[in-house]
Amino acid sequence: VMRGAIAKLPDGDYTATTHIDGFLDSPDPKKSRLPLV
């Protein structure tokens, strides 16, 4: 069933990015506004 559902999708690469807050009050840029890709 899952293979059949995937097979209906067009072959290709689909990329999206969102962000999490992390620690918005932190001065460290590696702890806030972090991307999920």
All heavy atoms as atom14 arrays in JSON, in Angstrom:
{
  "sequence": "VMRGAIAKLPDGDYTATTHIDGFLDSPDPKKSRLPLV",
  "atom14_mask": [
    [1, 1, 1, 1, 1, 1, 1, 0, 0, 0, 0, 0, 0, 0],
    [1, 1, 1, 1, 1, 1, 1, 1, 0, 0, 0, 0, 0, 0],
    [1, 1, 1, 1, 1, 1, 1, 1, 1, 1, 1, 0, 0, 0],
    [1, 1, 1, 1, 0, 0, 0, 0, 0, 0, 0, 0, 0, 0],
    [1, 1, 1, 1, 1, 0, 0, 0, 0, 0, 0, 0, 0, 0],
    [1, 1, 1, 1, 1, 1, 1, 1, 0, 0, 0, 0, 0, 0],
    [1, 1, 1, 1, 1, 0, 0, 0, 0, 0, 0, 0, 0, 0],
    [1, 1, 1, 1, 1, 1, 1, 1, 1, 0, 0, 0, 0, 0],
    [1, 1, 1, 1, 1, 1, 1, 1, 0, 0, 0, 0, 0, 0],
    [1, 1, 1, 1, 1, 1, 1, 0, 0, 0, 0, 0, 0, 0],
    [1, 1, 1, 1, 1, 1, 1, 1, 0, 0, 0, 0, 0, 0],
    [1, 1, 1, 1, 0, 0, 0, 0, 0, 0, 0, 0, 0, 0],
    [1, 1, 1, 1, 1, 1, 1, 1, 0, 0, 0, 0, 0, 0],
    [1, 1, 1, 1, 1, 1, 1, 1, 1, 1, 1, 1, 0, 0],
    [1, 1, 1, 1, 1, 1, 1, 0, 0, 0, 0, 0, 0, 0],
    [1, 1, 1, 1, 1, 0, 0, 0, 0, 0, 0, 0, 0, 0],
    [1, 1, 1, 1, 1, 1, 1, 0, 0, 0, 0, 0, 0, 0],
    [1, 1, 1, 1, 1, 1, 1, 0, 0, 0, 0, 0, 0, 0],
    [1, 1, 1, 1, 1, 1, 1, 1, 1, 1, 0, 0, 0, 0],
    [1, 1, 1, 1, 1, 1, 1, 1, 0, 0, 0, 0, 0, 0],
    [1, 1, 1, 1, 1, 1, 1, 1, 0, 0, 0, 0, 0, 0],
    [1, 1, 1, 1, 0, 0, 0, 0, 0, 0, 0, 0, 0, 0],
    [1, 1, 1, 1, 1, 1, 1, 1, 1, 1, 1, 0, 0, 0],
    [1, 1, 1, 1, 1, 1, 1, 1, 0, 0, 0, 0, 0, 0],
    [1, 1, 1, 1, 1, 1, 1, 1, 0, 0, 0, 0, 0, 0],
    [1, 1, 1, 1, 1, 1, 0, 0, 0, 0, 0, 0, 0, 0],
    [1, 1, 1, 1, 1, 1, 1, 0, 0, 0, 0, 0, 0, 0],
    [1, 1, 1, 1, 1, 1, 1, 1, 0, 0, 0, 0, 0, 0],
    [1, 1, 1, 1, 1, 1, 1, 0, 0, 0, 0, 0, 0, 0],
    [1, 1, 1, 1, 1, 1, 1, 1, 1, 0, 0, 0, 0, 0],
    [1, 1, 1, 1, 1, 1, 1, 1, 1, 0, 0, 0, 0, 0],
    [1, 1, 1, 1, 1, 1, 0, 0, 0, 0, 0, 0, 0, 0],
    [1, 1, 1, 1, 1, 1, 1, 1, 1, 1, 1, 0, 0, 0],
    [1, 1, 1, 1, 1, 1, 1, 1, 0, 0, 0, 0, 0, 0],
    [1, 1, 1, 1, 1, 1, 1, 0, 0, 0, 0, 0, 0, 0],
    [1, 1, 1, 1, 1, 1, 1, 1, 0, 0, 0, 0, 0, 0],
    [1, 1, 1, 1, 1, 1, 1, 0, 0, 0, 0, 0, 0, 0]
  ],
  "atom14_positions": [
    [[0.84, -1.21, 0.0], [0.0, 0.0, 0.0], [0.87, 1.25, 0.0], [0.62, 2.2, -0.76], [-0.94, -0.01, 1.22], [-1.65, 1.33, 1.36], [-1.97, -1.13, 1.09], [0.0, 0.0, 0.0], [0.0, 0.0, 0.0], [0.0, 0.0, 0.0], [0.0, 0.0, 0.0], [0.0, 0.0, 0.0], [0.0, 0.0, 0.0], [0.0, 0.0, 0.0]],
    [[1.9, 1.28, 0.86], [2.77, 2.45, 0.9], [3.55, 2.61, -0.39], [3.69, 3.72, -0.91], [3.71, 2.37, 2.1], [4.67, 3.56, 2.22], [3.82, 5.17, 2.38], [3.45, 5.15, 4.14], [0.0, 0.0, 0.0], [0.0, 0.0, 0.0], [0.0, 0.0, 0.0], [0.0, 0.0, 0.0], [0.0, 0.0, 0.0], [0.0, 0.0, 0.0]],
    [[4.07, 1.52, -0.92], [4.8, 1.61, -2.18], [3.9, 2.12, -3.3], [4.32, 2.93, -4.14], [5.39, 0.25, -2.55], [6.57, -0.15, -1.69], [7.24, -1.43, -2.18], [8.38, -1.8, -1.36], [9.6, -1.29, -1.48], [9.84, -0.41, -2.45], [10.58, -1.67, -0.69], [0.0, 0.0, 0.0], [0.0, 0.0, 0.0], [0.0, 0.0, 0.0]],
    [[2.66, 1.67, -3.31], [1.73, 2.15, -4.33], [1.47, 3.63, -4.21], [1.36, 4.34, -5.22], [0.0, 0.0, 0.0], [0.0, 0.0, 0.0], [0.0, 0.0, 0.0], [0.0, 0.0, 0.0], [0.0, 0.0, 0.0], [0.0, 0.0, 0.0], [0.0, 0.0, 0.0], [0.0, 0.0, 0.0], [0.0, 0.0, 0.0], [0.0, 0.0, 0.0]],
    [[1.36, 4.13, -2.97], [1.13, 5.56, -2.76], [2.34, 6.38, -3.19], [2.2, 7.45, -3.81], [0.8, 5.82, -1.29], [0.0, 0.0, 0.0], [0.0, 0.0, 0.0], [0.0, 0.0, 0.0], [0.0, 0.0, 0.0], [0.0, 0.0, 0.0], [0.0, 0.0, 0.0], [0.0, 0.0, 0.0], [0.0, 0.0, 0.0], [0.0, 0.0, 0.0]],
    [[3.55, 5.9, -2.87], [4.76, 6.63, -3.27], [4.89, 6.63, -4.79], [5.3, 7.63, -5.39], [6.0, 6.0, -2.6], [5.94, 6.19, -1.08], [7.29, 6.6, -3.16], [7.02, 5.45, -0.32], [0.0, 0.0, 0.0], [0.0, 0.0, 0.0], [0.0, 0.0, 0.0], [0.0, 0.0, 0.0], [0.0, 0.0, 0.0], [0.0, 0.0, 0.0]],
    [[4.54, 5.51, -5.43], [4.68, 5.41, -6.88], [3.8, 6.41, -7.61], [4.09, 6.77, -8.77], [4.35, 3.99, -7.33], [0.0, 0.0, 0.0], [0.0, 0.0, 0.0], [0.0, 0.0, 0.0], [0.0, 0.0, 0.0], [0.0, 0.0, 0.0], [0.0, 0.0, 0.0], [0.0, 0.0, 0.0], [0.0, 0.0, 0.0], [0.0, 0.0, 0.0]],
    [[2.73, 6.88, -6.98], [1.86, 7.88, -7.62], [2.46, 9.28, -7.61], [1.96, 10.17, -8.31], [0.51, 7.9, -6.91], [-0.3, 6.62, -7.09], [-1.62, 6.68, -6.31], [-2.39, 5.38, -6.44], [-3.66, 5.41, -5.65], [0.0, 0.0, 0.0], [0.0, 0.0, 0.0], [0.0, 0.0, 0.0], [0.0, 0.0, 0.0], [0.0, 0.0, 0.0]],
    [[3.52, 9.49, -6.81], [4.15, 10.8, -6.76], [5.07, 10.97, -7.96], [5.72, 10.01, -8.39], [4.97, 10.95, -5.47], [4.25, 10.73, -4.14], [5.25, 10.86, -2.99], [3.12, 11.73, -3.97], [0.0, 0.0, 0.0], [0.0, 0.0, 0.0], [0.0, 0.0, 0.0], [0.0, 0.0, 0.0], [0.0, 0.0, 0.0], [0.0, 0.0, 0.0]],
    [[5.18, 12.17, -8.48], [6.17, 12.4, -9.55], [7.58, 12.21, -9.01], [7.9, 12.7, -7.91], [5.93, 13.87, -9.95], [4.6, 14.24, -9.39], [4.4, 13.39, -8.17], [0.0, 0.0, 0.0], [0.0, 0.0, 0.0], [0.0, 0.0, 0.0], [0.0, 0.0, 0.0], [0.0, 0.0, 0.0], [0.0, 0.0, 0.0], [0.0, 0.0, 0.0]],
    [[8.41, 11.48, -9.73], [9.8, 11.37, -9.32], [10.42, 12.76, -9.24], [10.15, 13.62, -10.08], [10.6, 10.53, -10.32], [10.43, 9.03, -10.09], [9.62, 8.66, -9.23], [11.09, 8.25, -10.79], [0.0, 0.0, 0.0], [0.0, 0.0, 0.0], [0.0, 0.0, 0.0], [0.0, 0.0, 0.0], [0.0, 0.0, 0.0], [0.0, 0.0, 0.0]],
    [[11.25, 12.98, -8.22], [11.89, 14.27, -8.09], [12.37, 14.51, -6.68], [12.19, 13.68, -5.79], [0.0, 0.0, 0.0], [0.0, 0.0, 0.0], [0.0, 0.0, 0.0], [0.0, 0.0, 0.0], [0.0, 0.0, 0.0], [0.0, 0.0, 0.0], [0.0, 0.0, 0.0], [0.0, 0.0, 0.0], [0.0, 0.0, 0.0], [0.0, 0.0, 0.0]],
    [[13.0, 15.67, -6.51], [13.48, 16.11, -5.2], [12.64, 17.28, -4.73], [12.44, 18.24, -5.49], [14.95, 16.54, -5.27], [15.89, 15.39, -5.62], [15.4, 14.26, -5.83], [17.11, 15.63, -5.69], [0.0, 0.0, 0.0], [0.0, 0.0, 0.0], [0.0, 0.0, 0.0], [0.0, 0.0, 0.0], [0.0, 0.0, 0.0], [0.0, 0.0, 0.0]],
    [[12.18, 17.23, -3.5], [11.29, 18.25, -2.94], [11.89, 18.74, -1.63], [12.01, 17.97, -0.67], [9.89, 17.68, -2.72], [9.32, 17.02, -3.95], [9.38, 15.63, -4.12], [8.74, 17.78, -4.97], [8.86, 15.03, -5.25], [8.22, 17.18, -6.11], [8.28, 15.8, -6.25], [7.77, 15.21, -7.38], [0.0, 0.0, 0.0], [0.0, 0.0, 0.0]],
    [[12.3, 20.0, -1.59], [13.01, 20.54, -0.44], [12.2, 21.64, 0.22], [11.58, 22.47, -0.45], [14.38, 21.09, -0.86], [15.17, 20.04, -1.42], [15.14, 21.69, 0.33], [0.0, 0.0, 0.0], [0.0, 0.0, 0.0], [0.0, 0.0, 0.0], [0.0, 0.0, 0.0], [0.0, 0.0, 0.0], [0.0, 0.0, 0.0], [0.0, 0.0, 0.0]],
    [[12.2, 21.65, 1.54], [11.51, 22.69, 2.3], [12.35, 23.02, 3.54], [13.07, 22.18, 4.06], [10.12, 22.23, 2.73], [0.0, 0.0, 0.0], [0.0, 0.0, 0.0], [0.0, 0.0, 0.0], [0.0, 0.0, 0.0], [0.0, 0.0, 0.0], [0.0, 0.0, 0.0], [0.0, 0.0, 0.0], [0.0, 0.0, 0.0], [0.0, 0.0, 0.0]],
    [[12.22, 24.26, 3.98], [12.91, 24.72, 5.18], [11.93, 25.46, 6.07], [11.13, 26.27, 5.59], [14.06, 25.69, 4.82], [14.99, 25.01, 3.97], [14.79, 26.17, 6.06], [0.0, 0.0, 0.0], [0.0, 0.0, 0.0], [0.0, 0.0, 0.0], [0.0, 0.0, 0.0], [0.0, 0.0, 0.0], [0.0, 0.0, 0.0], [0.0, 0.0, 0.0]],
    [[11.95, 25.15, 7.34], [11.28, 25.97, 8.35], [12.3, 26.23, 9.46], [13.45, 25.78, 9.38], [10.02, 25.29, 8.94], [10.41, 24.16, 9.72], [9.06, 24.86, 7.84], [0.0, 0.0, 0.0], [0.0, 0.0, 0.0], [0.0, 0.0, 0.0], [0.0, 0.0, 0.0], [0.0, 0.0, 0.0], [0.0, 0.0, 0.0], [0.0, 0.0, 0.0]],
    [[11.88, 26.94, 10.49], [12.79, 27.27, 11.58], [12.11, 27.02, 12.92], [10.89, 27.14, 13.04], [13.22, 28.74, 11.52], [14.09, 29.06, 10.35], [13.58, 29.23, 9.07], [15.44, 29.25, 10.25], [14.57, 29.51, 8.23], [15.7, 29.53, 8.93], [0.0, 0.0, 0.0], [0.0, 0.0, 0.0], [0.0, 0.0, 0.0], [0.0, 0.0, 0.0]],
    [[12.93, 26.67, 13.9], [12.45, 26.64, 15.28], [13.01, 27.85, 16.02], [14.05, 28.38, 15.66], [12.83, 25.34, 16.01], [14.36, 25.13, 16.04], [12.14, 24.15, 15.38], [14.81, 23.98, 16.92], [0.0, 0.0, 0.0], [0.0, 0.0, 0.0], [0.0, 0.0, 0.0], [0.0, 0.0, 0.0], [0.0, 0.0, 0.0], [0.0, 0.0, 0.0]],
    [[12.28, 28.25, 17.06], [12.75, 29.38, 17.87], [14.12, 29.08, 18.48], [14.99, 29.95, 18.51], [11.79, 29.65, 19.03], [10.42, 30.08, 18.58], [10.25, 30.43, 17.4], [9.5, 30.05, 19.43], [0.0, 0.0, 0.0], [0.0, 0.0, 0.0], [0.0, 0.0, 0.0], [0.0, 0.0, 0.0], [0.0, 0.0, 0.0], [0.0, 0.0, 0.0]],
    [[14.28, 27.85, 18.97], [15.41, 27.62, 19.84], [15.25, 28.48, 21.08], [14.17, 28.55, 21.67], [0.0, 0.0, 0.0], [0.0, 0.0, 0.0], [0.0, 0.0, 0.0], [0.0, 0.0, 0.0], [0.0, 0.0, 0.0], [0.0, 0.0, 0.0], [0.0, 0.0, 0.0], [0.0, 0.0, 0.0], [0.0, 0.0, 0.0], [0.0, 0.0, 0.0]],
    [[16.29, 29.17, 21.42], [16.27, 30.06, 22.59], [16.36, 31.51, 22.09], [17.46, 32.03, 21.87], [17.39, 29.7, 23.55], [17.23, 28.34, 24.15], [17.63, 27.2, 23.46], [16.64, 28.18, 25.39], [17.47, 25.94, 24.01], [16.46, 26.92, 25.95], [16.87, 25.8, 25.25], [0.0, 0.0, 0.0], [0.0, 0.0, 0.0], [0.0, 0.0, 0.0]],
    [[15.21, 32.12, 21.89], [15.17, 33.45, 21.27], [15.87, 34.51, 22.11], [16.29, 35.54, 21.57], [13.71, 33.85, 21.02], [12.96, 33.02, 19.98], [11.49, 33.42, 19.94], [13.58, 33.18, 18.59], [0.0, 0.0, 0.0], [0.0, 0.0, 0.0], [0.0, 0.0, 0.0], [0.0, 0.0, 0.0], [0.0, 0.0, 0.0], [0.0, 0.0, 0.0]],
    [[15.98, 34.28, 23.41], [16.63, 35.25, 24.27], [18.13, 34.98, 24.43], [18.8, 35.64, 25.22], [15.97, 35.29, 25.65], [15.87, 33.91, 26.3], [16.12, 32.91, 25.61], [15.52, 33.85, 27.49], [0.0, 0.0, 0.0], [0.0, 0.0, 0.0], [0.0, 0.0, 0.0], [0.0, 0.0, 0.0], [0.0, 0.0, 0.0], [0.0, 0.0, 0.0]],
    [[18.67, 34.02, 23.68], [20.08, 33.7, 23.79], [20.91, 34.58, 22.86], [20.55, 34.78, 21.69], [20.34, 32.23, 23.44], [21.73, 31.96, 23.38], [0.0, 0.0, 0.0], [0.0, 0.0, 0.0], [0.0, 0.0, 0.0], [0.0, 0.0, 0.0], [0.0, 0.0, 0.0], [0.0, 0.0, 0.0], [0.0, 0.0, 0.0], [0.0, 0.0, 0.0]],
    [[22.05, 35.11, 23.33], [22.93, 35.87, 22.43], [23.72, 35.0, 21.48], [24.35, 35.51, 20.55], [23.86, 36.59, 23.43], [23.9, 35.69, 24.62], [22.54, 35.07, 24.71], [0.0, 0.0, 0.0], [0.0, 0.0, 0.0], [0.0, 0.0, 0.0], [0.0, 0.0, 0.0], [0.0, 0.0, 0.0], [0.0, 0.0, 0.0], [0.0, 0.0, 0.0]],
    [[23.69, 33.68, 21.72], [24.45, 32.75, 20.88], [23.64, 32.4, 19.63], [22.57, 31.77, 19.73], [24.74, 31.48, 21.68], [25.67, 30.52, 20.94], [25.88, 30.7, 19.74], [26.16, 29.57, 21.59], [0.0, 0.0, 0.0], [0.0, 0.0, 0.0], [0.0, 0.0, 0.0], [0.0, 0.0, 0.0], [0.0, 0.0, 0.0], [0.0, 0.0, 0.0]],
    [[24.11, 32.77, 18.44], [23.34, 32.49, 17.21], [23.19, 31.0, 16.93], [22.32, 30.61, 16.15], [24.16, 33.18, 16.11], [25.54, 33.29, 16.68], [25.37, 33.47, 18.15], [0.0, 0.0, 0.0], [0.0, 0.0, 0.0], [0.0, 0.0, 0.0], [0.0, 0.0, 0.0], [0.0, 0.0, 0.0], [0.0, 0.0, 0.0], [0.0, 0.0, 0.0]],
    [[23.99, 30.16, 17.57], [23.87, 28.73, 17.35], [22.78, 28.1, 18.22], [22.57, 26.88, 18.16], [25.21, 28.04, 17.64], [26.3, 28.43, 16.64], [27.59, 27.67, 16.92], [28.66, 28.02, 15.9], [29.92, 27.27, 16.14], [0.0, 0.0, 0.0], [0.0, 0.0, 0.0], [0.0, 0.0, 0.0], [0.0, 0.0, 0.0], [0.0, 0.0, 0.0]],
    [[22.09, 28.94, 19.01], [21.03, 28.42, 19.88], [19.66, 29.0, 19.55], [18.68, 28.64, 20.2], [21.37, 28.7, 21.34], [22.57, 27.93, 21.85], [22.86, 28.22, 23.32], [24.06, 27.42, 23.8], [24.42, 27.72, 25.2], [0.0, 0.0, 0.0], [0.0, 0.0, 0.0], [0.0, 0.0, 0.0], [0.0, 0.0, 0.0], [0.0, 0.0, 0.0]],
    [[19.58, 29.91, 18.58], [18.29, 30.52, 18.27], [18.06, 30.57, 16.77], [19.02, 30.59, 15.98], [18.2, 31.93, 18.87], [19.11, 32.79, 18.23], [0.0, 0.0, 0.0], [0.0, 0.0, 0.0], [0.0, 0.0, 0.0], [0.0, 0.0, 0.0], [0.0, 0.0, 0.0], [0.0, 0.0, 0.0], [0.0, 0.0, 0.0], [0.0, 0.0, 0.0]],
    [[16.77, 30.56, 16.4], [16.34, 30.68, 15.0], [17.07, 29.65, 14.12], [17.76, 29.99, 13.17], [16.55, 32.1, 14.49], [15.83, 33.14, 15.35], [16.0, 34.56, 14.87], [15.31, 35.49, 15.76], [14.01, 35.78, 15.72], [13.25, 35.21, 14.78], [13.47, 36.62, 16.56], [0.0, 0.0, 0.0], [0.0, 0.0, 0.0], [0.0, 0.0, 0.0]],
    [[16.84, 28.39, 14.45], [17.6, 27.3, 13.85], [16.82, 26.65, 12.71], [15.62, 26.35, 12.85], [17.92, 26.25, 14.92], [18.68, 26.79, 16.14], [18.78, 25.72, 17.21], [20.05, 27.28, 15.74], [0.0, 0.0, 0.0], [0.0, 0.0, 0.0], [0.0, 0.0, 0.0], [0.0, 0.0, 0.0], [0.0, 0.0, 0.0], [0.0, 0.0, 0.0]],
    [[17.48, 26.4, 11.57], [16.76, 25.82, 10.42], [16.58, 24.32, 10.52], [17.45, 23.59, 11.02], [17.68, 26.18, 9.24], [19.06, 26.24, 9.85], [18.86, 26.78, 11.24], [0.0, 0.0, 0.0], [0.0, 0.0, 0.0], [0.0, 0.0, 0.0], [0.0, 0.0, 0.0], [0.0, 0.0, 0.0], [0.0, 0.0, 0.0], [0.0, 0.0, 0.0]],
    [[15.41, 23.87, 10.07], [15.15, 22.46, 9.82], [14.96, 22.31, 8.32], [14.1, 22.99, 7.73], [13.9, 21.99, 10.56], [13.87, 22.13, 12.08], [12.53, 21.67, 12.62], [15.01, 21.37, 12.73], [0.0, 0.0, 0.0], [0.0, 0.0, 0.0], [0.0, 0.0, 0.0], [0.0, 0.0, 0.0], [0.0, 0.0, 0.0], [0.0, 0.0, 0.0]],
    [[15.76, 21.48, 7.7], [15.74, 21.32, 6.24], [15.38, 19.88, 5.9], [15.98, 18.94, 6.44], [17.09, 21.7, 5.61], [17.03, 21.56, 4.09], [17.48, 23.13, 5.99], [0.0, 0.0, 0.0], [0.0, 0.0, 0.0], [0.0, 0.0, 0.0], [0.0, 0.0, 0.0], [0.0, 0.0, 0.0], [0.0, 0.0, 0.0], [0.0, 0.0, 0.0]]
  ]
}
